[in-house]
N, C-alpha and C. Protein backbone atom coordinates (compact mmCIF):
# COMPACT_ATOMS: atom_id res chain seq x y z
N UNK A 1 0.85 -1.18 0.00
CA UNK A 1 0.00 0.00 0.00
C UNK A 1 0.90 1.24 0.00
N UNK A 2 0.61 2.15 -0.87
CA UNK A 2 1.43 3.36 -0.97
C UNK A 2 1.15 4.30 0.20
N UNK A 3 2.06 5.24 0.38
CA UNK A 3 2.03 6.12 1.53
C UNK A 3 0.70 6.88 1.66
N UNK A 4 0.27 7.54 0.61
CA UNK A 4 -0.97 8.32 0.69
C UNK A 4 -2.16 7.42 0.96
N UNK A 5 -2.17 6.24 0.36
CA UNK A 5 -3.26 5.29 0.60
C UNK A 5 -3.24 4.82 2.05
N UNK A 6 -2.06 4.61 2.60
CA UNK A 6 -1.94 4.21 4.01
C UNK A 6 -2.52 5.28 4.92
N UNK A 7 -2.21 6.53 4.63
CA UNK A 7 -2.72 7.64 5.45
C UNK A 7 -4.23 7.73 5.32
N UNK A 8 -4.74 7.66 4.11
CA UNK A 8 -6.19 7.78 3.92
C UNK A 8 -6.95 6.62 4.55
N UNK A 9 -6.35 5.43 4.55
CA UNK A 9 -7.01 4.26 5.14
C UNK A 9 -7.12 4.38 6.66
N UNK A 10 -6.18 5.10 7.27
CA UNK A 10 -6.16 5.26 8.73
C UNK A 10 -6.02 6.75 9.07
N UNK A 11 -6.86 7.55 8.44
CA UNK A 11 -6.73 9.01 8.54
C UNK A 11 -6.82 9.52 9.97
N UNK A 12 -7.82 9.08 10.73
CA UNK A 12 -7.97 9.61 12.09
C UNK A 12 -6.79 9.21 12.97
N UNK A 13 -6.24 8.01 12.77
CA UNK A 13 -5.06 7.59 13.52
C UNK A 13 -3.86 8.48 13.18
N UNK A 14 -3.69 8.79 11.90
CA UNK A 14 -2.58 9.64 11.47
C UNK A 14 -2.73 11.06 12.04
N UNK A 15 -3.93 11.61 11.97
CA UNK A 15 -4.18 12.95 12.50
C UNK A 15 -3.93 13.00 14.01
N UNK A 16 -4.41 12.00 14.73
CA UNK A 16 -4.19 11.96 16.18
C UNK A 16 -2.71 11.84 16.52
N UNK A 17 -1.99 11.05 15.75
CA UNK A 17 -0.55 10.90 15.95
C UNK A 17 0.16 12.25 15.80
N UNK A 18 -0.19 12.97 14.75
CA UNK A 18 0.43 14.28 14.51
C UNK A 18 0.06 15.28 15.60
N UNK A 19 -1.21 15.35 15.95
CA UNK A 19 -1.65 16.31 16.96
C UNK A 19 -1.03 16.01 18.33
N UNK A 20 -0.97 14.75 18.70
CA UNK A 20 -0.46 14.39 20.02
C UNK A 20 1.05 14.59 20.15
N UNK A 21 1.74 14.78 19.02
CA UNK A 21 3.19 15.01 19.05
C UNK A 21 3.56 16.44 18.64
N UNK A 22 2.58 17.35 18.68
CA UNK A 22 2.81 18.77 18.38
C UNK A 22 3.46 18.99 17.02
N UNK A 23 3.02 18.23 16.02
CA UNK A 23 3.62 18.33 14.69
C UNK A 23 3.15 19.62 14.01
N UNK A 24 4.11 20.40 13.53
CA UNK A 24 3.83 21.61 12.76
C UNK A 24 3.64 21.23 11.30
N UNK A 25 4.50 20.34 10.80
CA UNK A 25 4.39 19.90 9.40
C UNK A 25 5.13 18.59 9.20
N UNK A 26 4.64 17.83 8.24
CA UNK A 26 5.36 16.64 7.76
C UNK A 26 5.35 16.70 6.24
N UNK A 27 6.53 16.61 5.67
CA UNK A 27 6.70 16.52 4.23
C UNK A 27 7.31 15.16 3.89
N UNK A 28 6.88 14.59 2.78
CA UNK A 28 7.53 13.40 2.24
C UNK A 28 8.43 13.85 1.10
N UNK A 29 9.53 13.11 0.90
CA UNK A 29 10.44 13.41 -0.20
C UNK A 29 11.12 12.12 -0.62
N UNK A 30 11.94 12.19 -1.64
CA UNK A 30 12.67 11.02 -2.11
C UNK A 30 11.78 10.04 -2.84
N UNK A 31 12.11 8.76 -2.73
CA UNK A 31 11.38 7.74 -3.48
C UNK A 31 9.92 7.65 -3.07
N UNK A 32 9.58 8.12 -1.87
CA UNK A 32 8.19 8.07 -1.41
C UNK A 32 7.27 8.94 -2.24
N UNK A 33 7.84 9.89 -2.99
CA UNK A 33 7.00 10.81 -3.77
C UNK A 33 7.23 10.70 -5.27
N UNK A 34 8.00 9.69 -5.68
CA UNK A 34 8.20 9.55 -7.13
C UNK A 34 8.04 8.10 -7.56
N UNK A 35 8.26 7.85 -8.81
CA UNK A 35 8.01 6.53 -9.38
C UNK A 35 9.03 5.47 -8.99
N UNK A 36 10.08 5.84 -8.28
CA UNK A 36 11.09 4.85 -7.90
C UNK A 36 10.75 4.11 -6.61
N UNK A 37 9.60 4.43 -5.99
CA UNK A 37 9.20 3.77 -4.75
C UNK A 37 8.94 2.29 -5.01
N UNK A 38 9.58 1.44 -4.22
CA UNK A 38 9.40 -0.01 -4.32
C UNK A 38 8.65 -0.47 -3.08
N UNK A 39 7.49 -1.03 -3.29
CA UNK A 39 6.62 -1.45 -2.19
C UNK A 39 7.31 -2.44 -1.23
N UNK A 40 8.21 -3.24 -1.76
CA UNK A 40 8.87 -4.27 -0.94
C UNK A 40 10.12 -3.78 -0.22
N UNK A 41 10.84 -2.82 -0.80
CA UNK A 41 12.15 -2.47 -0.24
C UNK A 41 12.33 -1.01 0.16
N UNK A 42 11.50 -0.11 -0.33
CA UNK A 42 11.73 1.31 -0.07
C UNK A 42 11.34 1.71 1.35
N UNK A 43 12.12 2.63 1.89
CA UNK A 43 11.73 3.26 3.14
C UNK A 43 10.95 4.53 2.79
N UNK A 44 10.53 5.25 3.81
CA UNK A 44 9.82 6.51 3.59
C UNK A 44 10.65 7.63 4.20
N UNK A 45 10.96 8.62 3.39
CA UNK A 45 11.74 9.77 3.84
C UNK A 45 10.79 10.90 4.21
N UNK A 46 10.90 11.36 5.45
CA UNK A 46 10.02 12.42 5.94
C UNK A 46 10.82 13.56 6.55
N UNK A 47 10.34 14.76 6.30
CA UNK A 47 10.87 15.97 6.92
C UNK A 47 9.80 16.46 7.88
N UNK A 48 10.14 16.55 9.15
CA UNK A 48 9.14 16.86 10.17
C UNK A 48 9.57 18.05 11.01
N UNK A 49 8.61 18.83 11.42
CA UNK A 49 8.85 19.91 12.38
C UNK A 49 7.87 19.75 13.53
N UNK A 50 8.41 19.83 14.74
CA UNK A 50 7.61 19.69 15.96
C UNK A 50 7.73 20.98 16.76
N UNK A 51 6.61 21.42 17.31
CA UNK A 51 6.57 22.64 18.11
C UNK A 51 6.84 22.30 19.57
N UNK A 52 7.96 22.78 20.08
CA UNK A 52 8.28 22.66 21.50
C UNK A 52 9.44 23.60 21.80
N UNK A 53 9.29 24.38 22.84
CA UNK A 53 10.36 25.28 23.26
C UNK A 53 11.43 24.54 24.05
N UNK A 54 11.05 23.42 24.64
CA UNK A 54 11.97 22.63 25.45
C UNK A 54 12.69 21.61 24.57
N UNK A 55 14.01 21.72 24.42
CA UNK A 55 14.73 20.81 23.53
C UNK A 55 14.65 19.34 23.95
N UNK A 56 14.57 19.08 25.24
CA UNK A 56 14.46 17.69 25.70
C UNK A 56 13.10 17.12 25.30
N UNK A 57 12.05 17.90 25.54
CA UNK A 57 10.70 17.46 25.16
C UNK A 57 10.62 17.26 23.65
N UNK A 58 11.20 18.17 22.90
CA UNK A 58 11.18 18.07 21.44
C UNK A 58 11.87 16.79 20.98
N UNK A 59 13.02 16.48 21.58
CA UNK A 59 13.73 15.25 21.25
C UNK A 59 12.92 14.02 21.58
N UNK A 60 12.27 14.03 22.73
CA UNK A 60 11.43 12.89 23.13
C UNK A 60 10.25 12.72 22.18
N UNK A 61 9.63 13.83 21.79
CA UNK A 61 8.52 13.76 20.84
C UNK A 61 8.97 13.22 19.49
N UNK A 62 10.14 13.67 19.03
CA UNK A 62 10.68 13.19 17.76
C UNK A 62 10.96 11.69 17.79
N UNK A 63 11.60 11.22 18.85
CA UNK A 63 11.91 9.80 18.95
C UNK A 63 10.64 8.96 19.02
N UNK A 64 9.67 9.44 19.77
CA UNK A 64 8.43 8.69 19.92
C UNK A 64 7.64 8.63 18.61
N UNK A 65 7.52 9.77 17.92
CA UNK A 65 6.76 9.76 16.68
C UNK A 65 7.50 8.97 15.60
N UNK A 66 8.81 8.95 15.64
CA UNK A 66 9.59 8.16 14.68
C UNK A 66 9.20 6.69 14.78
N UNK A 67 9.19 6.16 16.00
CA UNK A 67 8.77 4.77 16.20
C UNK A 67 7.33 4.55 15.74
N UNK A 68 6.47 5.47 16.08
CA UNK A 68 5.05 5.31 15.74
C UNK A 68 4.80 5.43 14.24
N UNK A 69 5.57 6.27 13.56
CA UNK A 69 5.43 6.37 12.10
C UNK A 69 5.88 5.08 11.42
N UNK A 70 6.93 4.45 11.94
CA UNK A 70 7.36 3.17 11.37
C UNK A 70 6.29 2.10 11.57
N UNK A 71 5.65 2.10 12.71
CA UNK A 71 4.54 1.17 12.94
C UNK A 71 3.36 1.50 12.03
N UNK A 72 3.07 2.78 11.91
CA UNK A 72 1.94 3.21 11.09
C UNK A 72 2.12 2.79 9.63
N UNK A 73 3.30 3.06 9.07
CA UNK A 73 3.55 2.74 7.66
C UNK A 73 4.03 1.31 7.45
N UNK A 74 4.36 0.63 8.54
CA UNK A 74 4.86 -0.75 8.50
C UNK A 74 6.09 -0.88 7.61
N UNK A 75 6.99 0.08 7.77
CA UNK A 75 8.27 0.07 7.06
C UNK A 75 9.20 1.08 7.73
N UNK A 76 10.47 1.01 7.37
CA UNK A 76 11.47 1.94 7.91
C UNK A 76 11.15 3.37 7.47
N UNK A 77 11.32 4.29 8.38
CA UNK A 77 11.12 5.71 8.10
C UNK A 77 12.43 6.43 8.40
N UNK A 78 12.89 7.22 7.45
CA UNK A 78 14.01 8.13 7.68
C UNK A 78 13.40 9.48 8.03
N UNK A 79 13.70 9.97 9.21
CA UNK A 79 13.08 11.19 9.72
C UNK A 79 14.14 12.28 9.85
N UNK A 80 13.91 13.39 9.17
CA UNK A 80 14.81 14.55 9.24
C UNK A 80 14.03 15.75 9.76
N UNK A 81 14.78 16.69 10.34
CA UNK A 81 14.21 17.99 10.69
C UNK A 81 14.96 19.05 9.89
N UNK A 82 14.38 20.22 9.77
CA UNK A 82 15.06 21.30 9.04
C UNK A 82 16.43 21.59 9.63
N UNK A 83 16.53 21.58 10.94
CA UNK A 83 17.81 21.90 11.58
C UNK A 83 18.86 20.80 11.42
N UNK A 84 18.43 19.59 11.08
CA UNK A 84 19.39 18.49 10.91
C UNK A 84 20.02 18.45 9.52
N UNK A 85 19.48 19.21 8.58
CA UNK A 85 19.98 19.19 7.20
C UNK A 85 21.05 20.26 7.05
N UNK A 86 22.29 19.83 6.99
CA UNK A 86 23.42 20.76 6.88
C UNK A 86 23.94 20.89 5.45
N UNK A 87 23.76 19.85 4.65
CA UNK A 87 24.28 19.83 3.28
C UNK A 87 23.36 20.64 2.36
N UNK A 88 23.87 21.69 1.71
CA UNK A 88 23.01 22.53 0.86
C UNK A 88 22.47 21.79 -0.37
N UNK A 89 23.21 20.82 -0.88
CA UNK A 89 22.73 20.05 -2.03
C UNK A 89 21.55 19.18 -1.60
N UNK A 90 21.67 18.52 -0.45
CA UNK A 90 20.57 17.72 0.07
C UNK A 90 19.36 18.60 0.33
N UNK A 91 19.58 19.75 0.95
CA UNK A 91 18.48 20.69 1.22
C UNK A 91 17.77 21.07 -0.07
N UNK A 92 18.53 21.38 -1.10
CA UNK A 92 17.96 21.77 -2.39
C UNK A 92 17.15 20.63 -3.00
N UNK A 93 17.69 19.41 -2.94
CA UNK A 93 16.97 18.26 -3.49
C UNK A 93 15.68 17.99 -2.74
N UNK A 94 15.72 18.09 -1.43
CA UNK A 94 14.51 17.89 -0.63
C UNK A 94 13.48 18.96 -0.96
N UNK A 95 13.90 20.21 -0.96
CA UNK A 95 12.98 21.31 -1.24
C UNK A 95 12.35 21.20 -2.63
N UNK A 96 13.09 20.65 -3.58
CA UNK A 96 12.58 20.54 -4.95
C UNK A 96 11.53 19.44 -5.10
N UNK A 97 11.56 18.44 -4.22
CA UNK A 97 10.66 17.30 -4.41
C UNK A 97 9.65 17.10 -3.30
N UNK A 98 9.79 17.79 -2.18
CA UNK A 98 8.95 17.49 -1.02
C UNK A 98 7.48 17.79 -1.29
N UNK A 99 6.65 16.97 -0.65
CA UNK A 99 5.19 17.11 -0.75
C UNK A 99 4.64 17.18 0.67
N UNK A 100 3.84 18.20 0.95
CA UNK A 100 3.26 18.36 2.28
C UNK A 100 2.24 17.26 2.55
N UNK A 101 2.44 16.54 3.65
CA UNK A 101 1.49 15.50 4.06
C UNK A 101 0.57 15.99 5.16
N UNK A 102 1.13 16.76 6.10
CA UNK A 102 0.34 17.22 7.24
C UNK A 102 0.67 18.67 7.53
N UNK A 103 -0.39 19.46 7.68
CA UNK A 103 -0.29 20.88 8.01
C UNK A 103 -0.83 21.07 9.42
N UNK A 104 0.06 21.35 10.36
CA UNK A 104 -0.33 21.49 11.75
C UNK A 104 -1.19 22.71 12.03
N UNK A 105 -1.02 23.77 11.27
CA UNK A 105 -1.85 24.96 11.47
C UNK A 105 -3.31 24.65 11.15
N UNK A 106 -3.52 23.94 10.07
CA UNK A 106 -4.88 23.56 9.67
C UNK A 106 -5.32 22.25 10.34
N UNK A 107 -4.37 21.54 10.93
CA UNK A 107 -4.58 20.22 11.53
C UNK A 107 -5.30 19.29 10.56
N UNK A 108 -4.70 19.20 9.36
CA UNK A 108 -5.29 18.32 8.34
C UNK A 108 -4.21 17.78 7.42
N UNK A 109 -4.57 16.70 6.77
CA UNK A 109 -3.72 16.11 5.75
C UNK A 109 -3.82 16.98 4.52
N UNK A 110 -2.69 17.18 3.85
CA UNK A 110 -2.64 18.12 2.73
C UNK A 110 -2.13 17.45 1.46
N UNK A 111 -2.97 16.67 0.82
CA UNK A 111 -2.62 16.13 -0.50
C UNK A 111 -3.86 15.72 -1.22
């Protein structure tokens, strides 16, 4: 099952997961958003932002949602944050292909 189909099949679970972890946004990028995605072997690359002023709480929320996203999608998830991307070429590639999955301001799936 592809990523968007997985989200739509369990929409309320996905929304609750995002809300309970103070998610500002989740973007998918890489093979998850193009034709090179392999149902059997591909992981899912996500760019996530979480709202928290406390760095320890933010780290705990990130680690927890990372585990839960892997369970949700039933596959490995590579999770990045904007602050973790130091390579400008990687940043450019992500920005060129990313697709918004969740908008925390609207608290809805965006695709």
